[in-house]
Amino acid sequence: MELVARAFYDAEYEDCLWDAEAEVIKQDFREYARNAINLLNEDIGVLLMALDQATAEENPSRARAAA
């Protein structure tokens, strides 16, 4: 999460240093990172479910073997 926060910070403030930034600003970027990671996790879950469903529809015998 910290690396994502730093990446967001670096994208926003190209001429500033994360290590020299105020803690309150760092906390804001950590929250942005947490939210982005949570959204990504939700999207990945939905994508995996869709992939499983598409695989089952394409090859029903394989889906039964996995069950």
PDB file of N, CA and C in Angstrom:
ATOM      1  N   MET A   1       0.814  -1.177   0.000  1.00  0.00           N
ATOM      2  CA  MET A   1       0.000   0.000   0.000  1.00  0.00           C
ATOM      3  C   MET A   1       0.870   1.258   0.000  1.00  0.00           C
ATOM      4  N   GLU A   2       1.956   1.181   0.743  1.00  0.00           N
ATOM      5  CA  GLU A   2       2.862   2.335   0.819  1.00  0.00           C
ATOM      6  C   GLU A   2       3.460   2.669  -0.549  1.00  0.00           C
ATOM      7  N   LEU A   3       3.806   1.650  -1.317  1.00  0.00           N
ATOM      8  CA  LEU A   3       4.377   1.889  -2.650  1.00  0.00           C
ATOM      9  C   LEU A   3       3.361   2.543  -3.588  1.00  0.00           C
ATOM     10  N   VAL A   4       2.109   2.138  -3.475  1.00  0.00           N
ATOM     11  CA  VAL A   4       1.057   2.749  -4.298  1.00  0.00           C
ATOM     12  C   VAL A   4       0.861   4.204  -3.874  1.00  0.00           C
ATOM     13  N   ALA A   5       0.864   4.457  -2.580  1.00  0.00           N
ATOM     14  CA  ALA A   5       0.731   5.826  -2.082  1.00  0.00           C
ATOM     15  C   ALA A   5       1.866   6.703  -2.604  1.00  0.00           C
ATOM     16  N   ARG A   6       3.075   6.182  -2.555  1.00  0.00           N
ATOM     17  CA  ARG A   6       4.233   6.934  -3.065  1.00  0.00           C
ATOM     18  C   ARG A   6       4.114   7.179  -4.566  1.00  0.00           C
ATOM     19  N   ALA A   7       3.631   6.189  -5.297  1.00  0.00           N
ATOM     20  CA  ALA A   7       3.474   6.351  -6.746  1.00  0.00           C
ATOM     21  C   ALA A   7       2.447   7.435  -7.053  1.00  0.00           C
ATOM     22  N   PHE A   8       1.338   7.452  -6.324  1.00  0.00           N
ATOM     23  CA  PHE A   8       0.340   8.507  -6.516  1.00  0.00           C
ATOM     24  C   PHE A   8       0.933   9.871  -6.187  1.00  0.00           C
ATOM     25  N   TYR A   9       1.668   9.932  -5.089  1.00  0.00           N
ATOM     26  CA  TYR A   9       2.296  11.184  -4.673  1.00  0.00           C
ATOM     27  C   TYR A   9       3.271  11.670  -5.733  1.00  0.00           C
ATOM     28  N   ASP A  10       4.126  10.771  -6.203  1.00  0.00           N
ATOM     29  CA  ASP A  10       5.123  11.136  -7.215  1.00  0.00           C
ATOM     30  C   ASP A  10       4.462  11.618  -8.502  1.00  0.00           C
ATOM     31  N   ALA A  11       3.332  11.018  -8.846  1.00  0.00           N
ATOM     32  CA  ALA A  11       2.613  11.444 -10.050  1.00  0.00           C
ATOM     33  C   ALA A  11       2.026  12.845  -9.873  1.00  0.00           C
ATOM     34  N   GLU A  12       1.627  13.163  -8.663  1.00  0.00           N
ATOM     35  CA  GLU A  12       1.011  14.468  -8.381  1.00  0.00           C
ATOM     36  C   GLU A  12       2.057  15.561  -8.176  1.00  0.00           C
ATOM     37  N   TYR A  13       3.120  15.226  -7.458  1.00  0.00           N
ATOM     38  CA  TYR A  13       4.143  16.203  -7.091  1.00  0.00           C
ATOM     39  C   TYR A  13       5.507  15.749  -7.607  1.00  0.00           C
ATOM     40  N   GLU A  14       5.795  16.020  -8.834  1.00  0.00           N
ATOM     41  CA  GLU A  14       7.035  15.548  -9.463  1.00  0.00           C
ATOM     42  C   GLU A  14       8.294  16.139  -8.831  1.00  0.00           C
ATOM     43  N   ASP A  15       8.205  17.351  -8.304  1.00  0.00           N
ATOM     44  CA  ASP A  15       9.386  18.041  -7.779  1.00  0.00           C
ATOM     45  C   ASP A  15       9.542  17.946  -6.264  1.00  0.00           C
ATOM     46  N   CYS A  16       8.706  17.143  -5.610  1.00  0.00           N
ATOM     47  CA  CYS A  16       8.762  17.033  -4.147  1.00  0.00           C
ATOM     48  C   CYS A  16       9.211  15.633  -3.744  1.00  0.00           C
ATOM     49  N   LEU A  17       9.653  15.519  -2.494  1.00  0.00           N
ATOM     50  CA  LEU A  17      10.116  14.235  -1.977  1.00  0.00           C
ATOM     51  C   LEU A  17       9.143  13.684  -0.944  1.00  0.00           C
ATOM     52  N   TRP A  18       8.764  12.445  -1.113  1.00  0.00           N
ATOM     53  CA  TRP A  18       7.857  11.768  -0.197  1.00  0.00           C
ATOM     54  C   TRP A  18       8.398  11.805   1.237  1.00  0.00           C
ATOM     55  N   ASP A  19       9.677  11.512   1.389  1.00  0.00           N
ATOM     56  CA  ASP A  19      10.269  11.439   2.729  1.00  0.00           C
ATOM     57  C   ASP A  19      10.258  12.781   3.454  1.00  0.00           C
ATOM     58  N   ALA A  20      10.204  13.872   2.723  1.00  0.00           N
ATOM     59  CA  ALA A  20      10.194  15.203   3.343  1.00  0.00           C
ATOM     60  C   ALA A  20       8.770  15.749   3.514  1.00  0.00           C
ATOM     61  N   GLU A  21       7.771  14.999   3.070  1.00  0.00           N
ATOM     62  CA  GLU A  21       6.382  15.485   3.101  1.00  0.00           C
ATOM     63  C   GLU A  21       5.795  15.361   4.506  1.00  0.00           C
ATOM     64  N   ALA A  22       4.847  16.233   4.809  1.00  0.00           N
ATOM     65  CA  ALA A  22       4.153  16.190   6.099  1.00  0.00           C
ATOM     66  C   ALA A  22       3.348  14.898   6.220  1.00  0.00           C
ATOM     67  N   GLU A  23       3.251  14.396   7.422  1.00  0.00           N
ATOM     68  CA  GLU A  23       2.551  13.132   7.668  1.00  0.00           C
ATOM     69  C   GLU A  23       1.079  13.203   7.259  1.00  0.00           C
ATOM     70  N   VAL A  24       0.455  14.334   7.420  1.00  0.00           N
ATOM     71  CA  VAL A  24      -0.959  14.469   7.048  1.00  0.00           C
ATOM     72  C   VAL A  24      -1.142  14.276   5.533  1.00  0.00           C
ATOM     73  N   ILE A  25      -0.218  14.760   4.756  1.00  0.00           N
ATOM     74  CA  ILE A  25      -0.272  14.569   3.296  1.00  0.00           C
ATOM     75  C   ILE A  25      -0.032  13.097   2.956  1.00  0.00           C
ATOM     76  N   LYS A  26       0.933  12.487   3.630  1.00  0.00           N
ATOM     77  CA  LYS A  26       1.194  11.066   3.408  1.00  0.00           C
ATOM     78  C   LYS A  26      -0.046  10.233   3.724  1.00  0.00           C
ATOM     79  N   GLN A  27      -0.728  10.587   4.805  1.00  0.00           N
ATOM     80  CA  GLN A  27      -1.936   9.843   5.188  1.00  0.00           C
ATOM     81  C   GLN A  27      -3.018   9.962   4.113  1.00  0.00           C
ATOM     82  N   ASP A  28      -3.151  11.135   3.528  1.00  0.00           N
ATOM     83  CA  ASP A  28      -4.124  11.306   2.434  1.00  0.00           C
ATOM     84  C   ASP A  28      -3.798  10.368   1.278  1.00  0.00           C
ATOM     85  N   PHE A  29      -2.531  10.308   0.894  1.00  0.00           N
ATOM     86  CA  PHE A  29      -2.142   9.456  -0.225  1.00  0.00           C
ATOM     87  C   PHE A  29      -2.247   7.976   0.133  1.00  0.00           C
ATOM     88  N   ARG A  30      -2.028   7.641   1.387  1.00  0.00           N
ATOM     89  CA  ARG A  30      -2.225   6.252   1.820  1.00  0.00           C
ATOM     90  C   ARG A  30      -3.704   5.864   1.709  1.00  0.00           C
ATOM     91  N   GLU A  31      -4.563   6.792   2.043  1.00  0.00           N
ATOM     92  CA  GLU A  31      -6.006   6.534   1.916  1.00  0.00           C
ATOM     93  C   GLU A  31      -6.387   6.361   0.447  1.00  0.00           C
ATOM     94  N   TYR A  32      -5.850   7.198  -0.433  1.00  0.00           N
ATOM     95  CA  TYR A  32      -6.091   7.030  -1.876  1.00  0.00           C
ATOM     96  C   TYR A  32      -5.628   5.651  -2.326  1.00  0.00           C
ATOM     97  N   ALA A  33      -4.462   5.244  -1.853  1.00  0.00           N
ATOM     98  CA  ALA A  33      -3.911   3.944  -2.237  1.00  0.00           C
ATOM     99  C   ALA A  33      -4.790   2.810  -1.726  1.00  0.00           C
ATOM    100  N   ARG A  34      -5.226   2.909  -0.476  1.00  0.00           N
ATOM    101  CA  ARG A  34      -6.103   1.886   0.100  1.00  0.00           C
ATOM    102  C   ARG A  34      -7.378   1.747  -0.720  1.00  0.00           C
ATOM    103  N   ASN A  35      -7.974   2.881  -1.075  1.00  0.00           N
ATOM    104  CA  ASN A  35      -9.200   2.854  -1.874  1.00  0.00           C
ATOM    105  C   ASN A  35      -8.965   2.241  -3.248  1.00  0.00           C
ATOM    106  N   ALA A  36      -7.870   2.599  -3.880  1.00  0.00           N
ATOM    107  CA  ALA A  36      -7.560   2.062  -5.209  1.00  0.00           C
ATOM    108  C   ALA A  36      -7.333   0.552  -5.147  1.00  0.00           C
ATOM    109  N   ILE A  37      -6.622   0.104  -4.140  1.00  0.00           N
ATOM    110  CA  ILE A  37      -6.354  -1.329  -3.991  1.00  0.00           C
ATOM    111  C   ILE A  37      -7.646  -2.083  -3.727  1.00  0.00           C
ATOM    112  N   ASN A  38      -8.498  -1.543  -2.882  1.00  0.00           N
ATOM    113  CA  ASN A  38      -9.784  -2.190  -2.599  1.00  0.00           C
ATOM    114  C   ASN A  38     -10.644  -2.283  -3.856  1.00  0.00           C
ATOM    115  N   LEU A  39     -10.687  -1.220  -4.631  1.00  0.00           N
ATOM    116  CA  LEU A  39     -11.461  -1.246  -5.874  1.00  0.00           C
ATOM    117  C   LEU A  39     -10.886  -2.259  -6.849  1.00  0.00           C
ATOM    118  N   LEU A  40      -9.583  -2.319  -6.937  1.00  0.00           N
ATOM    119  CA  LEU A  40      -8.937  -3.282  -7.820  1.00  0.00           C
ATOM    120  C   LEU A  40      -9.250  -4.706  -7.382  1.00  0.00           C
ATOM    121  N   ASN A  41      -9.201  -4.963  -6.093  1.00  0.00           N
ATOM    122  CA  ASN A  41      -9.530  -6.299  -5.582  1.00  0.00           C
ATOM    123  C   ASN A  41     -10.957  -6.687  -5.927  1.00  0.00           C
ATOM    124  N   GLU A  42     -11.889  -5.750  -5.820  1.00  0.00           N
ATOM    125  CA  GLU A  42     -13.276  -6.022  -6.180  1.00  0.00           C
ATOM    126  C   GLU A  42     -13.390  -6.336  -7.663  1.00  0.00           C
ATOM    127  N   ASP A  43     -12.709  -5.566  -8.492  1.00  0.00           N
ATOM    128  CA  ASP A  43     -12.748  -5.793  -9.938  1.00  0.00           C
ATOM    129  C   ASP A  43     -12.144  -7.142 -10.297  1.00  0.00           C
ATOM    130  N   ILE A  44     -11.060  -7.513  -9.649  1.00  0.00           N
ATOM    131  CA  ILE A  44     -10.422  -8.799  -9.929  1.00  0.00           C
ATOM    132  C   ILE A  44     -11.368  -9.937  -9.568  1.00  0.00           C
ATOM    133  N   GLY A  45     -12.060  -9.809  -8.456  1.00  0.00           N
ATOM    134  CA  GLY A  45     -13.019 -10.839  -8.061  1.00  0.00           C
ATOM    135  C   GLY A  45     -14.116 -11.006  -9.095  1.00  0.00           C
ATOM    136  N   VAL A  46     -14.635  -9.914  -9.582  1.00  0.00           N
ATOM    137  CA  VAL A  46     -15.683  -9.958 -10.603  1.00  0.00           C
ATOM    138  C   VAL A  46     -15.129 -10.562 -11.892  1.00  0.00           C
ATOM    139  N   LEU A  47     -13.922 -10.172 -12.271  1.00  0.00           N
ATOM    140  CA  LEU A  47     -13.308 -10.716 -13.488  1.00  0.00           C
ATOM    141  C   LEU A  47     -13.064 -12.216 -13.372  1.00  0.00           C
ATOM    142  N   LEU A  48     -12.616 -12.682 -12.216  1.00  0.00           N
ATOM    143  CA  LEU A  48     -12.383 -14.111 -12.025  1.00  0.00           C
ATOM    144  C   LEU A  48     -13.690 -14.902 -12.094  1.00  0.00           C
ATOM    145  N   MET A  49     -14.750 -14.363 -11.518  1.00  0.00           N
ATOM    146  CA  MET A  49     -16.050 -15.030 -11.601  1.00  0.00           C
ATOM    147  C   MET A  49     -16.525 -15.102 -13.047  1.00  0.00           C
ATOM    148  N   ALA A  50     -16.367 -14.018 -13.797  1.00  0.00           N
ATOM    149  CA  ALA A  50     -16.771 -14.004 -15.199  1.00  0.00           C
ATOM    150  C   ALA A  50     -15.941 -14.992 -16.013  1.00  0.00           C
ATOM    151  N   LEU A  51     -14.658 -15.080 -15.716  1.00  0.00           N
ATOM    152  CA  LEU A  51     -13.788 -16.021 -16.410  1.00  0.00           C
ATOM    153  C   LEU A  51     -14.195 -17.455 -16.117  1.00  0.00           C
ATOM    154  N   ASP A  52     -14.489 -17.757 -14.872  1.00  0.00           N
ATOM    155  CA  ASP A  52     -14.958 -19.099 -14.511  1.00  0.00           C
ATOM    156  C   ASP A  52     -16.242 -19.445 -15.246  1.00  0.00           C
ATOM    157  N   GLN A  53     -17.163 -18.490 -15.289  1.00  0.00           N
ATOM    158  CA  GLN A  53     -18.438 -18.719 -15.963  1.00  0.00           C
ATOM    159  C   GLN A  53     -18.231 -18.926 -17.463  1.00  0.00           C
ATOM    160  N   ALA A  54     -17.392 -18.105 -18.077  1.00  0.00           N
ATOM    161  CA  ALA A  54     -17.136 -18.236 -19.509  1.00  0.00           C
ATOM    162  C   ALA A  54     -16.466 -19.569 -19.818  1.00  0.00           C
ATOM    163  N   THR A  55     -15.550 -19.991 -18.962  1.00  0.00           N
ATOM    164  CA  THR A  55     -14.876 -21.276 -19.152  1.00  0.00           C
ATOM    165  C   THR A  55     -15.878 -22.423 -19.036  1.00  0.00           C
ATOM    166  N   ALA A  56     -16.772 -22.341 -18.078  1.00  0.00           N
ATOM    167  CA  ALA A  56     -17.784 -23.384 -17.893  1.00  0.00           C
ATOM    168  C   ALA A  56     -18.727 -23.452 -19.088  1.00  0.00           C
ATOM    169  N   GLU A  57     -19.076 -22.301 -19.644  1.00  0.00           N
ATOM    170  CA  GLU A  57     -19.972 -22.274 -20.795  1.00  0.00           C
ATOM    171  C   GLU A  57     -19.295 -22.828 -22.045  1.00  0.00           C
ATOM    172  N   GLU A  58     -17.995 -22.587 -22.185  1.00  0.00           N
ATOM    173  CA  GLU A  58     -17.263 -23.067 -23.353  1.00  0.00           C
ATOM    174  C   GLU A  58     -16.978 -24.564 -23.277  1.00  0.00           C
ATOM    175  N   ASN A  59     -16.791 -25.067 -22.081  1.00  0.00           N
ATOM    176  CA  ASN A  59     -16.408 -26.461 -21.918  1.00  0.00           C
ATOM    177  C   ASN A  59     -17.122 -27.046 -20.699  1.00  0.00           C
ATOM    178  N   PRO A  60     -18.396 -27.419 -20.842  1.00  0.00           N
ATOM    179  CA  PRO A  60     -19.173 -27.901 -19.689  1.00  0.00           C
ATOM    180  C   PRO A  60     -18.569 -29.135 -19.016  1.00  0.00           C
ATOM    181  N   SER A  61     -17.944 -30.034 -19.749  1.00  0.00           N
ATOM    182  CA  SER A  61     -17.377 -31.235 -19.135  1.00  0.00           C
ATOM    183  C   SER A  61     -16.230 -30.883 -18.197  1.00  0.00           C
ATOM    184  N   ARG A  62     -15.473 -29.841 -18.529  1.00  0.00           N
ATOM    185  CA  ARG A  62     -14.366 -29.401 -17.678  1.00  0.00           C
ATOM    186  C   ARG A  62     -14.896 -28.812 -16.376  1.00  0.00           C
ATOM    187  N   ALA A  63     -15.994 -28.067 -16.465  1.00  0.00           N
ATOM    188  CA  ALA A  63     -16.579 -27.462 -15.263  1.00  0.00           C
ATOM    189  C   ALA A  63     -17.066 -28.543 -14.300  1.00  0.00           C
ATOM    190  N   ARG A  64     -17.653 -29.621 -14.833  1.00  0.00           N
ATOM    191  CA  ARG A  64     -18.113 -30.708 -13.971  1.00  0.00           C
ATOM    192  C   ARG A  64     -16.940 -31.432 -13.335  1.00  0.00           C
ATOM    193  N   ALA A  65     -15.851 -31.562 -14.057  1.00  0.00           N
ATOM    194  CA  ALA A  65     -14.678 -32.240 -13.504  1.00  0.00           C
ATOM    195  C   ALA A  65     -14.072 -31.439 -12.367  1.00  0.00           C
ATOM    196  N   ALA A  66     -14.118 -30.103 -12.470  1.00  0.00           N
ATOM    197  CA  ALA A  66     -13.564 -29.243 -11.415  1.00  0.00           C
ATOM    198  C   ALA A  66     -14.440 -29.281 -10.184  1.00  0.00           C
ATOM    199  N   ALA A  67     -15.735 -29.509 -10.340  1.00  0.00           N
ATOM    200  CA  ALA A  67     -16.676 -29.538  -9.217  1.00  0.00           C
ATOM    201  C   ALA A  67     -16.519 -30.829  -8.500  1.00  0.00           C
TER     202      ALA A  67
END
